[in-house]
Amino acid sequence: MKRNFALVLVLVALAGLTGALAWFQFVVKPQMIKGFISAAPRPVPAVAVAEAKLENWQSRISAIGTFRAVQGIDISPQVGGVVRAINFESGQDVQRGQLLIQIDDSVEQADLKSNLATLRNVELALERQRQLVAGGSTATANVDSALAARDSAAAAADRTRALIAQKALTAPFSGRLGLRRIDAGQYVSPGTSIVTLQQLDPIYVDFPVTEQDIGRVAVGQSIEIGVDAFAGRVFKGKVTSIDARVSIEARTILLRAQVDNASGELRPGMFANVSVLIGTGRDVVTIPRTGVSYSLYGDTAFVVKPASPPAGAAQASSAPADQPLVIERRVLRIGDTRGDQVAVLDGLAPGEKIVTEGQLKLQNGARVRIDNESGLKPLQETPRQ
């Protein structure tokens, strides 16, 4: 009996000890860990911020364009022959009427001498027939025949002169030549491209805009152009003409603007970033594009502001420099974009600070600290397209 009673007491004690250990392990210990974690100071994330600024922006339409010459041709001969002389260098500036290529015209020169001799002979014959008619010694029909012979000989001489002129290729307008594609002594056939000639000042830029913007563009509007070859420079011009139809494939309309190019830096075929200036400037709030989080549900930004003081605490007259900061997620209405800046039409006031780096680790109402030195540094030159 005593032995059984002792065994029961031991089993009860073991069961109680096991239950106590289980209760400590699964109830008390997690509560202790949770309390330690909540009591431990949490690190305040560092963020880079930027201040919203009030700037004067003019509405604009952005487009991609291509430069083209006001006049640009391939100089080609109308008749074939051997090149006798080349009177230009590649890339040379030439004036209208300047002789560029001389094709051998010795045969035509000889034909011209023969034609001129024939012309002189028929002119003398015509004069004799006129004298005879005046004296009544011949019929008027003979004068008519002599006159026709004279006209035929003159036409033959004119034709030979035209052939000679076609073998002397001159510049039809002033401009800059391209690369020479022939050599002296080479035979060229009709239509062979010898060299290009481009009028560079002024120069055109053609660019398309969407059909939705047709009502916003007009002849005479100013444009600003950026060129990859001259980063940071802005070339200005004016819209000179608008195409008469909208492209069925792209639903765009083509515009042409004229740009001064006295220095000749802009070349036909160059890529152009075109901005058409619309209306007058207006004041808008601008922030860096990196501060905006874009989504299907709306564009938002984290606004940094001082944390609210604890309940019952005295309200300080001015916020101290080390006052805790919190963030507020705010929905914005975004407008035009210019470079790395974006216009905010609604949702932000000038002077407010927004987070520009470190948004992924933030939640609405979280505390933050400002550290603009640890952020990414902007590139000295924006990558070209």
Protein backbone atom coordinates (compact mmCIF):
# COMPACT_ATOMS: atom_id res chain seq x y z
CA MET A 1 0.00 0.00 0.00
CA LYS A 2 2.69 2.45 1.03
CA ARG A 3 4.74 1.53 -2.01
CA ASN A 4 1.79 2.10 -4.38
CA PHE A 5 0.93 5.41 -2.72
CA ALA A 6 4.53 6.63 -3.13
CA LEU A 7 4.48 5.62 -6.79
CA VAL A 8 1.30 7.58 -7.38
CA LEU A 9 2.79 10.65 -5.70
CA VAL A 10 5.87 10.41 -7.89
CA LEU A 11 3.75 10.15 -11.07
CA VAL A 12 1.63 13.12 -10.02
CA ALA A 13 4.76 15.15 -9.30
CA LEU A 14 6.24 14.25 -12.67
CA ALA A 15 3.00 15.16 -14.45
CA GLY A 16 2.88 18.50 -12.66
CA LEU A 17 6.50 19.23 -13.45
CA THR A 18 5.95 18.33 -17.13
CA GLY A 19 2.89 20.61 -17.29
CA ALA A 20 4.78 23.45 -15.64
CA LEU A 21 7.67 23.11 -18.10
CA ALA A 22 5.26 23.02 -21.04
CA TRP A 23 3.41 26.09 -19.76
CA PHE A 24 6.70 27.98 -19.34
CA GLN A 25 7.96 26.89 -22.75
CA PHE A 26 4.86 27.64 -24.79
CA VAL A 27 3.20 30.47 -22.84
CA VAL A 28 5.57 32.33 -20.55
CA LYS A 29 8.67 32.22 -22.72
CA PRO A 30 7.02 33.65 -25.93
CA GLN A 31 5.53 36.48 -23.85
CA MET A 32 8.95 37.22 -22.37
CA ILE A 33 10.57 37.25 -25.83
CA LYS A 34 7.84 39.50 -27.20
CA GLY A 35 8.32 41.88 -24.31
CA PHE A 36 12.07 42.00 -24.79
CA ILE A 37 11.66 42.69 -28.52
CA SER A 38 9.11 45.45 -27.97
CA ALA A 39 11.28 47.00 -25.27
CA ALA A 40 14.43 46.99 -27.45
CA PRO A 41 15.03 50.29 -29.30
CA ARG A 42 14.28 50.00 -33.02
CA PRO A 43 16.70 51.59 -35.53
CA VAL A 44 15.23 54.61 -37.31
CA PRO A 45 15.68 54.25 -41.09
CA ALA A 46 17.67 56.96 -42.87
CA VAL A 47 16.17 58.56 -45.97
CA ALA A 48 17.16 61.22 -48.48
CA VAL A 49 14.70 64.06 -48.89
CA ALA A 50 14.10 66.95 -51.26
CA GLU A 51 12.05 70.09 -50.86
CA ALA A 52 9.11 70.89 -53.13
CA LYS A 53 9.84 74.07 -55.08
CA LEU A 54 7.66 76.60 -56.83
CA GLU A 55 8.86 77.10 -60.40
CA ASN A 56 7.53 78.81 -63.50
CA TRP A 57 6.95 76.23 -66.22
CA GLN A 58 5.62 76.69 -69.72
CA SER A 59 3.44 73.93 -71.11
CA ARG A 60 5.12 72.02 -73.90
CA ILE A 61 4.66 69.09 -76.24
CA SER A 62 7.63 66.74 -76.48
CA ALA A 63 8.48 64.90 -79.69
CA ILE A 64 11.29 63.11 -81.45
CA GLY A 65 12.42 64.72 -84.70
CA THR A 66 15.00 64.54 -87.46
CA PHE A 67 16.95 67.37 -89.08
CA ARG A 68 16.77 67.78 -92.82
CA ALA A 69 18.26 70.31 -95.20
CA VAL A 70 16.18 73.12 -96.64
CA GLN A 71 17.67 72.04 -99.96
CA GLY A 72 19.63 68.84 -100.38
CA ILE A 73 20.49 66.98 -103.59
CA ASP A 74 22.80 64.41 -105.14
CA ILE A 75 24.72 66.08 -107.96
CA SER A 76 24.57 63.77 -110.99
CA PRO A 77 25.38 64.27 -114.69
CA GLN A 78 22.66 64.29 -117.35
CA VAL A 79 25.02 62.85 -119.95
CA GLY A 80 27.84 60.34 -119.71
CA GLY A 81 31.52 60.91 -120.29
CA VAL A 82 35.01 60.89 -118.83
CA VAL A 83 35.71 63.24 -115.90
CA ARG A 84 38.30 65.74 -117.06
CA ALA A 85 38.56 67.98 -113.97
CA ILE A 86 37.29 68.05 -110.37
CA ASN A 87 37.16 71.56 -108.92
CA PHE A 88 36.16 70.91 -105.31
CA GLU A 89 37.24 69.13 -102.14
CA SER A 90 35.07 66.91 -99.95
CA GLY A 91 33.22 68.93 -97.30
CA GLN A 92 33.86 72.25 -99.04
CA ASP A 93 31.43 75.17 -98.89
CA VAL A 94 30.51 76.31 -102.40
CA GLN A 95 28.53 79.17 -103.92
CA ARG A 96 25.71 79.01 -106.41
CA GLY A 97 27.00 78.67 -109.98
CA GLN A 98 30.48 77.46 -108.95
CA LEU A 99 31.93 74.87 -111.37
CA LEU A 100 32.31 71.49 -109.67
CA ILE A 101 32.91 68.83 -112.33
CA GLN A 102 34.02 69.13 -115.93
CA ILE A 103 33.28 66.15 -118.16
CA ASP A 104 35.26 65.81 -121.38
CA ASP A 105 33.40 67.76 -124.09
CA SER A 106 36.00 67.80 -126.86
CA VAL A 107 33.66 66.03 -129.30
CA GLU A 108 30.86 68.50 -128.59
CA GLN A 109 33.28 71.43 -128.97
CA ALA A 110 34.24 70.13 -132.40
CA ASP A 111 30.59 69.65 -133.31
CA LEU A 112 29.90 73.22 -132.19
CA LYS A 113 32.63 74.58 -134.52
CA SER A 114 31.14 72.60 -137.40
CA ASN A 115 27.65 73.82 -136.58
CA LEU A 116 28.81 77.42 -136.33
CA ALA A 117 30.53 77.15 -139.72
CA THR A 118 27.36 75.73 -141.23
CA LEU A 119 25.36 78.52 -139.59
CA ARG A 120 27.60 81.19 -141.09
CA ASN A 121 27.28 79.62 -144.54
CA VAL A 122 23.47 79.46 -144.44
CA GLU A 123 23.31 83.03 -143.11
CA LEU A 124 25.35 84.20 -146.12
CA ALA A 125 23.09 82.21 -148.42
CA LEU A 126 20.04 83.77 -146.81
CA GLU A 127 21.46 87.25 -147.28
CA ARG A 128 22.14 86.57 -151.00
CA GLN A 129 18.61 85.28 -151.50
CA ARG A 130 17.19 88.39 -149.87
CA GLN A 131 19.25 90.62 -152.21
CA LEU A 132 18.09 88.64 -155.20
CA VAL A 133 14.47 88.90 -154.16
CA ALA A 134 14.91 92.63 -153.69
CA GLY A 135 16.22 92.87 -157.27
CA GLY A 136 13.46 90.66 -158.59
CA SER A 137 15.91 88.00 -159.75
CA THR A 138 14.60 85.02 -157.72
CA ALA A 139 11.42 83.67 -156.19
CA THR A 140 10.36 84.35 -152.65
CA ALA A 141 10.25 80.59 -152.03
CA ASN A 142 14.03 80.47 -152.25
CA VAL A 143 14.24 83.01 -149.41
CA ASP A 144 11.95 80.87 -147.31
CA SER A 145 14.09 77.80 -147.91
CA ALA A 146 17.24 79.71 -146.98
CA LEU A 147 15.55 81.03 -143.84
CA ALA A 148 14.54 77.50 -142.78
CA ALA A 149 18.10 76.27 -143.39
CA ARG A 150 19.42 79.13 -141.26
CA ASP A 151 17.05 78.29 -138.39
CA SER A 152 17.95 74.58 -138.57
CA ALA A 153 21.66 75.36 -138.40
CA ALA A 154 21.09 77.72 -135.44
CA ALA A 155 19.11 75.02 -133.62
CA ALA A 156 21.91 72.50 -134.18
CA ALA A 157 24.42 74.95 -132.70
CA ASP A 158 22.15 75.58 -129.71
CA ARG A 159 21.78 71.84 -129.13
CA THR A 160 25.54 71.39 -129.11
CA ARG A 161 25.93 74.29 -126.68
CA ALA A 162 23.36 72.63 -124.38
CA LEU A 163 25.33 69.36 -124.45
CA ILE A 164 28.51 71.25 -123.59
CA ALA A 165 26.71 73.00 -120.69
CA GLN A 166 25.43 69.65 -119.38
CA LYS A 167 29.00 68.41 -119.15
CA ALA A 168 29.96 71.31 -116.88
CA LEU A 169 28.30 70.55 -113.53
CA THR A 170 27.80 73.63 -111.34
CA ALA A 171 26.30 74.13 -107.87
CA PRO A 172 22.58 74.97 -108.23
CA PHE A 173 22.59 76.69 -104.82
CA SER A 174 25.03 77.66 -102.09
CA GLY A 175 25.76 74.99 -99.50
CA ARG A 176 28.21 72.37 -98.24
CA LEU A 177 29.41 69.42 -100.28
CA GLY A 178 29.66 65.89 -98.98
CA LEU A 179 32.23 63.23 -99.81
CA ARG A 180 33.46 62.96 -103.39
CA ARG A 181 32.52 59.64 -105.02
CA ILE A 182 34.44 59.86 -108.31
CA ASP A 183 37.99 60.44 -109.51
CA ALA A 184 39.50 62.32 -112.42
CA GLY A 185 39.65 60.16 -115.56
CA GLN A 186 36.73 58.00 -114.45
CA TYR A 187 33.83 57.41 -116.83
CA VAL A 188 30.48 58.42 -115.34
CA SER A 189 27.14 57.40 -116.80
CA PRO A 190 23.99 59.56 -116.63
CA GLY A 191 22.48 59.61 -113.13
CA THR A 192 25.70 58.62 -111.32
CA SER A 193 25.82 60.26 -107.87
CA ILE A 194 29.00 62.35 -107.76
CA VAL A 195 28.62 64.28 -104.48
CA THR A 196 25.86 65.54 -102.18
CA LEU A 197 25.11 69.23 -101.71
CA GLN A 198 23.25 70.42 -98.60
CA GLN A 199 22.07 73.90 -97.66
CA LEU A 200 22.72 74.00 -93.89
CA ASP A 201 21.61 77.50 -92.91
CA PRO A 202 18.83 77.57 -92.04
CA ILE A 203 17.91 73.93 -91.43
CA TYR A 204 14.59 72.14 -91.01
CA VAL A 205 13.54 69.74 -88.28
CA ASP A 206 10.59 67.43 -88.94
CA PHE A 207 8.77 65.86 -86.00
CA PRO A 208 5.38 64.20 -85.37
CA VAL A 209 2.80 65.03 -82.70
CA THR A 210 -0.27 63.00 -81.79
CA GLU A 211 -3.63 63.87 -83.30
CA GLN A 212 -4.87 64.84 -79.82
CA ASP A 213 -2.42 67.77 -79.90
CA ILE A 214 -3.47 69.16 -83.30
CA GLY A 215 -5.54 71.87 -81.64
CA ARG A 216 -2.57 72.97 -79.48
CA VAL A 217 -0.02 73.51 -82.26
CA ALA A 218 0.12 76.33 -84.79
CA VAL A 219 2.49 77.91 -87.28
CA GLY A 220 4.80 80.42 -85.59
CA GLN A 221 5.09 78.65 -82.23
CA SER A 222 8.56 78.52 -80.71
CA ILE A 223 10.40 75.24 -80.18
CA GLU A 224 13.44 74.16 -78.20
CA ILE A 225 15.70 71.37 -79.43
CA GLY A 226 18.21 69.20 -77.62
CA VAL A 227 20.82 67.26 -79.59
CA ASP A 228 22.85 64.32 -78.25
CA ALA A 229 25.97 65.59 -80.00
CA PHE A 230 25.83 68.86 -78.03
CA ALA A 231 24.61 67.83 -74.59
CA GLY A 232 23.34 70.70 -72.47
CA ARG A 233 22.82 73.10 -75.36
CA VAL A 234 19.40 74.26 -76.50
CA PHE A 235 18.71 75.25 -80.11
CA LYS A 236 15.66 77.39 -80.81
CA GLY A 237 13.40 77.66 -83.83
CA LYS A 238 9.83 78.22 -84.99
CA VAL A 239 7.16 76.02 -86.52
CA THR A 240 6.87 76.93 -90.21
CA SER A 241 4.37 74.40 -91.57
CA ILE A 242 1.99 71.62 -90.57
CA ASP A 243 1.19 68.63 -92.74
CA ALA A 244 -2.23 68.48 -94.38
CA ARG A 245 -3.06 64.95 -93.24
CA VAL A 246 -2.82 62.66 -90.23
CA SER A 247 -0.92 59.40 -90.60
CA ILE A 248 -3.39 56.51 -90.62
CA GLU A 249 -0.80 54.09 -89.26
CA ALA A 250 0.50 56.14 -86.31
CA ARG A 251 -2.33 58.69 -85.84
CA THR A 252 0.22 61.50 -85.81
CA ILE A 253 0.65 64.67 -87.83
CA LEU A 254 4.01 65.91 -89.09
CA LEU A 255 5.27 69.40 -88.24
CA ARG A 256 8.24 71.23 -89.72
CA ALA A 257 10.22 73.93 -87.93
CA GLN A 258 13.07 76.13 -89.09
CA VAL A 259 16.23 76.55 -87.01
CA ASP A 260 19.09 79.02 -87.52
CA ASN A 261 22.31 77.13 -88.21
CA ALA A 262 24.89 79.75 -89.11
CA SER A 263 27.67 77.69 -87.50
CA GLY A 264 26.74 74.57 -89.49
CA GLU A 265 26.84 72.37 -86.38
CA LEU A 266 23.45 70.82 -87.07
CA ARG A 267 23.50 68.31 -89.91
CA PRO A 268 20.69 66.68 -91.89
CA GLY A 269 19.75 63.29 -90.46
CA MET A 270 20.65 64.15 -86.86
CA PHE A 271 18.37 63.05 -83.99
CA ALA A 272 16.47 65.85 -82.21
CA ASN A 273 14.57 66.06 -78.92
CA VAL A 274 11.93 68.68 -79.72
CA SER A 275 9.73 70.61 -77.29
CA VAL A 276 6.94 72.80 -78.67
CA LEU A 277 6.24 75.70 -76.28
CA ILE A 278 2.52 76.12 -75.67
CA GLY A 279 0.92 79.27 -74.24
CA THR A 280 2.55 81.24 -71.41
CA GLY A 281 4.38 80.08 -68.29
CA ARG A 282 2.61 79.26 -65.02
CA ASP A 283 3.76 78.55 -61.47
CA VAL A 284 3.82 74.86 -60.51
CA VAL A 285 5.17 72.83 -57.59
CA THR A 286 8.05 70.61 -58.71
CA ILE A 287 9.77 67.64 -57.07
CA PRO A 288 12.33 65.06 -58.22
CA ARG A 289 10.87 62.16 -60.16
CA THR A 290 12.54 59.70 -57.77
CA GLY A 291 10.21 60.89 -55.02
CA VAL A 292 7.06 59.68 -56.79
CA SER A 293 5.80 56.09 -56.55
CA TYR A 294 3.73 55.30 -59.63
CA SER A 295 0.98 52.67 -59.53
CA LEU A 296 -2.38 51.80 -61.08
CA TYR A 297 -4.13 53.01 -57.93
CA GLY A 298 -2.60 56.49 -58.00
CA ASP A 299 0.74 58.27 -57.72
CA THR A 300 1.97 58.78 -54.17
CA ALA A 301 4.88 60.28 -52.25
CA PHE A 302 6.10 60.11 -48.65
CA VAL A 303 5.95 63.56 -47.03
CA VAL A 304 8.29 64.13 -44.08
CA LYS A 305 6.87 66.12 -41.16
CA PRO A 306 7.56 66.52 -37.41
CA ALA A 307 6.07 63.85 -35.15
CA SER A 308 3.08 64.88 -33.04
CA PRO A 309 4.01 65.56 -29.35
CA PRO A 310 2.74 63.05 -26.74
CA ALA A 311 -0.68 63.72 -25.22
CA GLY A 312 -0.45 66.23 -22.38
CA ALA A 313 3.01 67.45 -23.37
CA ALA A 314 3.57 71.20 -23.60
CA GLN A 315 3.47 72.54 -27.16
CA ALA A 316 6.88 73.97 -28.05
CA SER A 317 6.98 77.34 -29.75
CA SER A 318 9.42 76.04 -32.38
CA ALA A 319 10.40 72.48 -33.33
CA PRO A 320 13.91 71.57 -32.12
CA ALA A 321 16.50 70.34 -34.58
CA ASP A 322 16.43 66.81 -33.11
CA GLN A 323 12.64 66.53 -33.03
CA PRO A 324 11.49 63.10 -34.27
CA LEU A 325 10.23 62.97 -37.86
CA VAL A 326 7.49 60.79 -39.32
CA ILE A 327 6.28 60.20 -42.84
CA GLU A 328 2.86 60.50 -44.38
CA ARG A 329 1.90 58.72 -47.58
CA ARG A 330 0.09 61.25 -49.76
CA VAL A 331 -1.70 60.85 -53.09
CA LEU A 332 -0.53 63.34 -55.73
CA ARG A 333 -1.84 64.51 -59.09
CA ILE A 334 1.14 64.57 -61.42
CA GLY A 335 1.54 66.90 -64.41
CA ASP A 336 4.29 67.47 -66.97
CA THR A 337 7.78 66.06 -66.65
CA ARG A 338 10.93 68.00 -67.48
CA GLY A 339 14.27 66.28 -67.12
CA ASP A 340 14.46 64.74 -63.64
CA GLN A 341 11.74 67.04 -62.27
CA VAL A 342 7.99 66.48 -62.30
CA ALA A 343 5.17 68.98 -61.75
CA VAL A 344 2.66 68.31 -58.95
CA LEU A 345 -0.76 69.73 -59.75
CA ASP A 346 -2.40 68.79 -56.45
CA GLY A 347 -1.49 67.22 -53.12
CA LEU A 348 1.72 69.04 -52.20
CA ALA A 349 2.62 72.56 -51.10
CA PRO A 350 5.88 74.45 -51.75
CA GLY A 351 8.42 73.92 -48.97
CA GLU A 352 7.21 70.46 -47.94
CA LYS A 353 9.84 67.74 -47.93
CA ILE A 354 9.41 64.39 -49.62
CA VAL A 355 11.45 61.19 -49.48
CA THR A 356 13.49 60.67 -52.65
CA GLU A 357 15.45 57.55 -51.63
CA GLY A 358 14.63 54.65 -49.33
CA GLN A 359 10.86 54.39 -49.91
CA LEU A 360 10.80 50.58 -50.11
CA LYS A 361 11.46 50.13 -46.38
CA LEU A 362 8.89 52.70 -45.23
CA GLN A 363 5.32 52.48 -44.01
CA ASN A 364 2.81 55.22 -43.42
CA GLY A 365 3.44 56.88 -40.04
CA ALA A 366 6.93 55.41 -39.57
CA ARG A 367 9.70 57.45 -37.95
CA VAL A 368 12.66 58.43 -40.12
CA ARG A 369 15.84 60.41 -39.97
CA ILE A 370 17.25 62.54 -42.77
CA ASP A 371 20.61 61.59 -44.30
CA ASN A 372 21.14 63.14 -47.72
CA GLU A 373 24.82 62.27 -47.79
CA SER A 374 24.33 58.51 -48.06
CA GLY A 375 22.10 58.64 -51.14
CA LEU A 376 23.07 57.97 -54.73
CA LYS A 377 24.89 60.79 -56.45
CA PRO A 378 23.39 62.01 -59.75
CA LEU A 379 25.41 61.43 -62.91
CA GLN A 380 27.33 64.36 -64.30
CA GLU A 381 25.91 63.60 -67.73
CA THR A 382 22.55 61.97 -68.42
CA PRO A 383 22.87 58.80 -70.55
CA ARG A 384 22.08 59.48 -74.17
CA GLN A 385 19.24 57.78 -75.95
